Amino acid sequence: LLRTHKDMAFLSKKLATIKTDVPLS
């Protein structure tokens, strides 16, 4: 399952990752 859905796993991690460099100036 992990091998078949590798791209989706990394995409999911990217979607779940909160940005901490939003330009607030």
PDB file of all heavy atoms in Angstrom:
ATOM      1  N   LEU A   1       0.840  -1.214   0.000  1.00  0.00           N
ATOM      2  CA  LEU A   1       0.000   0.000   0.000  1.00  0.00           C
ATOM      3  C   LEU A   1       0.868   1.255   0.000  1.00  0.00           C
ATOM      4  O   LEU A   1       0.595   2.222  -0.724  1.00  0.00           O
ATOM      5  CB  LEU A   1      -0.929   0.006   1.223  1.00  0.00           C
ATOM      6  CG  LEU A   1      -2.114  -0.959   1.193  1.00  0.00           C
ATOM      7  CD1 LEU A   1      -2.763  -1.058   2.569  1.00  0.00           C
ATOM      8  CD2 LEU A   1      -3.147  -0.485   0.162  1.00  0.00           C
ATOM      9  N   LEU A   2       1.898   1.237   0.815  1.00  0.00           N
ATOM     10  CA  LEU A   2       2.798   2.392   0.898  1.00  0.00           C
ATOM     11  C   LEU A   2       3.515   2.621  -0.433  1.00  0.00           C
ATOM     12  O   LEU A   2       3.671   3.765  -0.883  1.00  0.00           O
ATOM     13  CB  LEU A   2       3.818   2.163   2.016  1.00  0.00           C
ATOM     14  CG  LEU A   2       3.260   2.234   3.448  1.00  0.00           C
ATOM     15  CD1 LEU A   2       4.242   1.656   4.450  1.00  0.00           C
ATOM     16  CD2 LEU A   2       2.933   3.686   3.807  1.00  0.00           C
ATOM     17  N   ARG A   3       3.945   1.542  -1.055  1.00  0.00           N
ATOM     18  CA  ARG A   3       4.651   1.665  -2.335  1.00  0.00           C
ATOM     19  C   ARG A   3       3.707   2.214  -3.416  1.00  0.00           C
ATOM     20  O   ARG A   3       4.078   3.112  -4.182  1.00  0.00           O
ATOM     21  CB  ARG A   3       5.196   0.301  -2.749  1.00  0.00           C
ATOM     22  CG  ARG A   3       6.008   0.349  -4.064  1.00  0.00           C
ATOM     23  CD  ARG A   3       6.572  -1.012  -4.438  1.00  0.00           C
ATOM     24  NE  ARG A   3       7.646  -1.413  -3.538  1.00  0.00           N
ATOM     25  CZ  ARG A   3       7.554  -2.379  -2.618  1.00  0.00           C
ATOM     26  NH1 ARG A   3       6.420  -3.049  -2.493  1.00  0.00           N
ATOM     27  NH2 ARG A   3       8.567  -2.682  -1.854  1.00  0.00           N
ATOM     28  N   THR A   4       2.507   1.704  -3.455  1.00  0.00           N
ATOM     29  CA  THR A   4       1.539   2.109  -4.483  1.00  0.00           C
ATOM     30  C   THR A   4       1.109   3.562  -4.332  1.00  0.00           C
ATOM     31  O   THR A   4       0.896   4.268  -5.325  1.00  0.00           O
ATOM     32  CB  THR A   4       0.290   1.201  -4.416  1.00  0.00           C
ATOM     33  OG1 THR A   4       0.700  -0.155  -4.571  1.00  0.00           O
ATOM     34  CG2 THR A   4      -0.704   1.560  -5.508  1.00  0.00           C
ATOM     35  N   HIS A   5       0.989   4.015  -3.090  1.00  0.00           N
ATOM     36  CA  HIS A   5       0.422   5.352  -2.841  1.00  0.00           C
ATOM     37  C   HIS A   5       1.461   6.335  -2.283  1.00  0.00           C
ATOM     38  O   HIS A   5       1.125   7.242  -1.524  1.00  0.00           O
ATOM     39  CB  HIS A   5      -0.766   5.240  -1.884  1.00  0.00           C
ATOM     40  CG  HIS A   5      -1.867   4.370  -2.404  1.00  0.00           C
ATOM     41  ND1 HIS A   5      -2.783   4.801  -3.342  1.00  0.00           N
ATOM     42  CD2 HIS A   5      -2.182   3.070  -2.128  1.00  0.00           C
ATOM     43  CE1 HIS A   5      -3.629   3.816  -3.608  1.00  0.00           C
ATOM     44  NE2 HIS A   5      -3.292   2.751  -2.895  1.00  0.00           N
ATOM     45  N   LYS A   6       2.702   6.157  -2.707  1.00  0.00           N
ATOM     46  CA  LYS A   6       3.781   7.024  -2.210  1.00  0.00           C
ATOM     47  C   LYS A   6       3.509   8.500  -2.513  1.00  0.00           C
ATOM     48  O   LYS A   6       3.636   9.356  -1.630  1.00  0.00           O
ATOM     49  CB  LYS A   6       5.108   6.597  -2.832  1.00  0.00           C
ATOM     50  CG  LYS A   6       6.279   7.481  -2.431  1.00  0.00           C
ATOM     51  CD  LYS A   6       7.588   7.018  -3.078  1.00  0.00           C
ATOM     52  CE  LYS A   6       8.735   7.955  -2.693  1.00  0.00           C
ATOM     53  NZ  LYS A   6      10.019   7.522  -3.305  1.00  0.00           N
ATOM     54  N   ASP A   7       3.147   8.801  -3.744  1.00  0.00           N
ATOM     55  CA  ASP A   7       2.926  10.203  -4.114  1.00  0.00           C
ATOM     56  C   ASP A   7       1.810  10.830  -3.269  1.00  0.00           C
ATOM     57  O   ASP A   7       1.908  11.989  -2.842  1.00  0.00           O
ATOM     58  CB  ASP A   7       2.560  10.313  -5.595  1.00  0.00           C
ATOM     59  CG  ASP A   7       3.749   9.999  -6.508  1.00  0.00           C
ATOM     60  OD1 ASP A   7       4.892   9.999  -5.995  1.00  0.00           O
ATOM     61  OD2 ASP A   7       3.533   9.746  -7.707  1.00  0.00           O
ATOM     62  N   MET A   8       0.769  10.058  -3.022  1.00  0.00           N
ATOM     63  CA  MET A   8      -0.350  10.577  -2.245  1.00  0.00           C
ATOM     64  C   MET A   8       0.053  10.800  -0.789  1.00  0.00           C
ATOM     65  O   MET A   8      -0.415  11.734  -0.136  1.00  0.00           O
ATOM     66  CB  MET A   8      -1.544   9.624  -2.334  1.00  0.00           C
ATOM     67  CG  MET A   8      -2.860  10.256  -1.918  1.00  0.00           C
ATOM     68  SD  MET A   8      -3.274  11.726  -2.894  1.00  0.00           S
ATOM     69  CE  MET A   8      -3.758  10.972  -4.449  1.00  0.00           C
ATOM     70  N   ALA A   9       0.929   9.956  -0.282  1.00  0.00           N
ATOM     71  CA  ALA A   9       1.395  10.110   1.102  1.00  0.00           C
ATOM     72  C   ALA A   9       2.153  11.425   1.275  1.00  0.00           C
ATOM     73  O   ALA A   9       1.919  12.175   2.234  1.00  0.00           O
ATOM     74  CB  ALA A   9       2.293   8.928   1.489  1.00  0.00           C
ATOM     75  N   PHE A  10       3.059  11.704   0.335  1.00  0.00           N
ATOM     76  CA  PHE A  10       3.838  12.939   0.440  1.00  0.00           C
ATOM     77  C   PHE A  10       2.984  14.179   0.146  1.00  0.00           C
ATOM     78  O   PHE A  10       3.187  15.237   0.744  1.00  0.00           O
ATOM     79  CB  PHE A  10       5.066  12.875  -0.476  1.00  0.00           C
ATOM     80  CG  PHE A  10       6.189  12.087   0.114  1.00  0.00           C
ATOM     81  CD1 PHE A  10       6.399  10.757  -0.257  1.00  0.00           C
ATOM     82  CD2 PHE A  10       7.031  12.650   1.058  1.00  0.00           C
ATOM     83  CE1 PHE A  10       7.423  10.010   0.308  1.00  0.00           C
ATOM     84  CE2 PHE A  10       8.070  11.917   1.622  1.00  0.00           C
ATOM     85  CZ  PHE A  10       8.262  10.586   1.255  1.00  0.00           C
ATOM     86  N   LEU A  11       2.014  14.036  -0.764  1.00  0.00           N
ATOM     87  CA  LEU A  11       1.090  15.142  -0.999  1.00  0.00           C
ATOM     88  C   LEU A  11       0.276  15.419   0.273  1.00  0.00           C
ATOM     89  O   LEU A  11       0.081  16.584   0.653  1.00  0.00           O
ATOM     90  CB  LEU A  11       0.153  14.821  -2.156  1.00  0.00           C
ATOM     91  CG  LEU A  11      -0.979  15.843  -2.407  1.00  0.00           C
ATOM     92  CD1 LEU A  11      -0.403  17.199  -2.791  1.00  0.00           C
ATOM     93  CD2 LEU A  11      -1.938  15.334  -3.480  1.00  0.00           C
ATOM     94  N   SER A  12      -0.162  14.373   0.927  1.00  0.00           N
ATOM     95  CA  SER A  12      -0.965  14.523   2.148  1.00  0.00           C
ATOM     96  C   SER A  12      -0.161  15.198   3.250  1.00  0.00           C
ATOM     97  O   SER A  12      -0.684  16.049   3.983  1.00  0.00           O
ATOM     98  CB  SER A  12      -1.459  13.150   2.619  1.00  0.00           C
ATOM     99  OG  SER A  12      -2.317  12.567   1.660  1.00  0.00           O
ATOM    100  N   LYS A  13       1.104  14.831   3.357  1.00  0.00           N
ATOM    101  CA  LYS A  13       1.952  15.477   4.357  1.00  0.00           C
ATOM    102  C   LYS A  13       2.103  16.969   4.049  1.00  0.00           C
ATOM    103  O   LYS A  13       2.041  17.807   4.961  1.00  0.00           O
ATOM    104  CB  LYS A  13       3.326  14.810   4.403  1.00  0.00           C
ATOM    105  CG  LYS A  13       4.271  15.474   5.404  1.00  0.00           C
ATOM    106  CD  LYS A  13       5.604  14.760   5.527  1.00  0.00           C
ATOM    107  CE  LYS A  13       6.502  15.489   6.527  1.00  0.00           C
ATOM    108  NZ  LYS A  13       7.784  14.781   6.775  1.00  0.00           N
ATOM    109  N   LYS A  14       2.251  17.288   2.782  1.00  0.00           N
ATOM    110  CA  LYS A  14       2.399  18.687   2.389  1.00  0.00           C
ATOM    111  C   LYS A  14       1.130  19.478   2.709  1.00  0.00           C
ATOM    112  O   LYS A  14       1.192  20.611   3.190  1.00  0.00           O
ATOM    113  CB  LYS A  14       2.717  18.771   0.888  1.00  0.00           C
ATOM    114  CG  LYS A  14       3.036  20.188   0.404  1.00  0.00           C
ATOM    115  CD  LYS A  14       3.477  20.165  -1.048  1.00  0.00           C
ATOM    116  CE  LYS A  14       3.862  21.568  -1.524  1.00  0.00           C
ATOM    117  NZ  LYS A  14       4.340  21.563  -2.941  1.00  0.00           N
ATOM    118  N   LEU A  15      -0.033  18.868   2.429  1.00  0.00           N
ATOM    119  CA  LEU A  15      -1.305  19.537   2.711  1.00  0.00           C
ATOM    120  C   LEU A  15      -1.488  19.766   4.209  1.00  0.00           C
ATOM    121  O   LEU A  15      -2.076  20.766   4.626  1.00  0.00           O
ATOM    122  CB  LEU A  15      -2.471  18.702   2.167  1.00  0.00           C
ATOM    123  CG  LEU A  15      -2.602  18.601   0.651  1.00  0.00           C
ATOM    124  CD1 LEU A  15      -3.655  17.558   0.277  1.00  0.00           C
ATOM    125  CD2 LEU A  15      -2.964  19.956   0.034  1.00  0.00           C
ATOM    126  N   ALA A  16      -0.999  18.825   5.019  1.00  0.00           N
ATOM    127  CA  ALA A  16      -1.184  18.904   6.467  1.00  0.00           C
ATOM    128  C   ALA A  16      -0.174  19.817   7.153  1.00  0.00           C
ATOM    129  O   ALA A  16      -0.363  20.195   8.312  1.00  0.00           O
ATOM    130  CB  ALA A  16      -1.103  17.505   7.071  1.00  0.00           C
ATOM    131  N   THR A  17       0.884  20.166   6.432  1.00  0.00           N
ATOM    132  CA  THR A  17       1.948  20.970   7.044  1.00  0.00           C
ATOM    133  C   THR A  17       1.556  22.443   7.092  1.00  0.00           C
ATOM    134  O   THR A  17       1.235  23.063   6.074  1.00  0.00           O
ATOM    135  CB  THR A  17       3.268  20.816   6.267  1.00  0.00           C
ATOM    136  OG1 THR A  17       3.643  19.432   6.279  1.00  0.00           O
ATOM    137  CG2 THR A  17       4.370  21.648   6.904  1.00  0.00           C
ATOM    138  N   ILE A  18       1.576  23.007   8.280  1.00  0.00           N
ATOM    139  CA  ILE A  18       1.239  24.420   8.474  1.00  0.00           C
ATOM    140  C   ILE A  18       2.426  25.285   8.067  1.00  0.00           C
ATOM    141  O   ILE A  18       3.569  25.029   8.470  1.00  0.00           O
ATOM    142  CB  ILE A  18       0.867  24.680   9.951  1.00  0.00           C
ATOM    143  CG1 ILE A  18      -0.457  23.973  10.286  1.00  0.00           C
ATOM    144  CG2 ILE A  18       0.766  26.172  10.243  1.00  0.00           C
ATOM    145  CD1 ILE A  18      -0.825  24.021  11.753  1.00  0.00           C
ATOM    146  N   LYS A  19       2.148  26.306   7.263  1.00  0.00           N
ATOM    147  CA  LYS A  19       3.198  27.242   6.854  1.00  0.00           C
ATOM    148  C   LYS A  19       3.593  28.103   8.055  1.00  0.00           C
ATOM    149  O   LYS A  19       2.741  28.531   8.830  1.00  0.00           O
ATOM    150  CB  LYS A  19       2.701  28.152   5.720  1.00  0.00           C
ATOM    151  CG  LYS A  19       2.586  27.455   4.372  1.00  0.00           C
ATOM    152  CD  LYS A  19       2.032  28.398   3.312  1.00  0.00           C
ATOM    153  CE  LYS A  19       2.995  29.525   2.967  1.00  0.00           C
ATOM    154  NZ  LYS A  19       4.190  29.022   2.252  1.00  0.00           N
ATOM    155  N   THR A  20       4.866  28.362   8.174  1.00  0.00           N
ATOM    156  CA  THR A  20       5.326  29.227   9.262  1.00  0.00           C
ATOM    157  C   THR A  20       6.130  30.413   8.726  1.00  0.00           C
ATOM    158  O   THR A  20       6.894  31.041   9.455  1.00  0.00           O
ATOM    159  CB  THR A  20       6.195  28.425  10.261  1.00  0.00           C
ATOM    160  OG1 THR A  20       7.304  27.837   9.556  1.00  0.00           O
ATOM    161  CG2 THR A  20       5.376  27.334  10.932  1.00  0.00           C
ATOM    162  N   ASP A  21       5.928  30.684   7.436  1.00  0.00           N
ATOM    163  CA  ASP A  21       6.665  31.785   6.814  1.00  0.00           C
ATOM    164  C   ASP A  21       5.741  32.705   6.018  1.00  0.00           C
ATOM    165  O   ASP A  21       6.130  33.271   4.994  1.00  0.00           O
ATOM    166  CB  ASP A  21       7.773  31.239   5.907  1.00  0.00           C
ATOM    167  CG  ASP A  21       7.225  30.326   4.801  1.00  0.00           C
ATOM    168  OD1 ASP A  21       6.009  30.022   4.819  1.00  0.00           O
ATOM    169  OD2 ASP A  21       8.010  29.923   3.918  1.00  0.00           O
ATOM    170  N   VAL A  22       4.494  32.834   6.481  1.00  0.00           N
ATOM    171  CA  VAL A  22       3.545  33.723   5.809  1.00  0.00           C
ATOM    172  C   VAL A  22       4.034  35.167   5.928  1.00  0.00           C
ATOM    173  O   VAL A  22       4.375  35.616   7.036  1.00  0.00           O
ATOM    174  CB  VAL A  22       2.139  33.593   6.434  1.00  0.00           C
ATOM    175  CG1 VAL A  22       1.180  34.604   5.823  1.00  0.00           C
ATOM    176  CG2 VAL A  22       1.608  32.176   6.262  1.00  0.00           C
ATOM    177  N   PRO A  23       4.100  35.928   4.837  1.00  0.00           N
ATOM    178  CA  PRO A  23       4.536  37.332   4.939  1.00  0.00           C
ATOM    179  C   PRO A  23       3.489  38.176   5.665  1.00  0.00           C
ATOM    180  O   PRO A  23       2.394  38.366   5.175  1.00  0.00           O
ATOM    181  CB  PRO A  23       4.684  37.769   3.475  1.00  0.00           C
ATOM    182  CG  PRO A  23       3.836  36.813   2.693  1.00  0.00           C
ATOM    183  CD  PRO A  23       3.832  35.519   3.452  1.00  0.00           C
ATOM    184  N   LEU A  24       3.839  38.657   6.832  1.00  0.00           N
ATOM    185  CA  LEU A  24       2.889  39.399   7.663  1.00  0.00           C
ATOM    186  C   LEU A  24       3.137  40.902   7.650  1.00  0.00           C
ATOM    187  O   LEU A  24       2.413  41.652   8.294  1.00  0.00           O
ATOM    188  CB  LEU A  24       2.971  38.905   9.112  1.00  0.00           C
ATOM    189  CG  LEU A  24       2.639  37.430   9.351  1.00  0.00           C
ATOM    190  CD1 LEU A  24       2.871  37.083  10.818  1.00  0.00           C
ATOM    191  CD2 LEU A  24       1.197  37.130   8.967  1.00  0.00           C
ATOM    192  N   SER A  25       4.149  41.330   6.912  1.00  0.00           N
ATOM    193  CA  SER A  25       4.547  42.739   6.982  1.00  0.00           C
ATOM    194  C   SER A  25       3.429  43.689   6.598  1.00  0.00           C
ATOM    195  O   SER A  25       3.174  44.685   7.273  1.00  0.00           O
ATOM    196  CB  SER A  25       5.780  42.990   6.113  1.00  0.00           C
ATOM    197  OG  SER A  25       5.527  42.556   4.783  1.00  0.00           O
TER     198      SER A  25
END
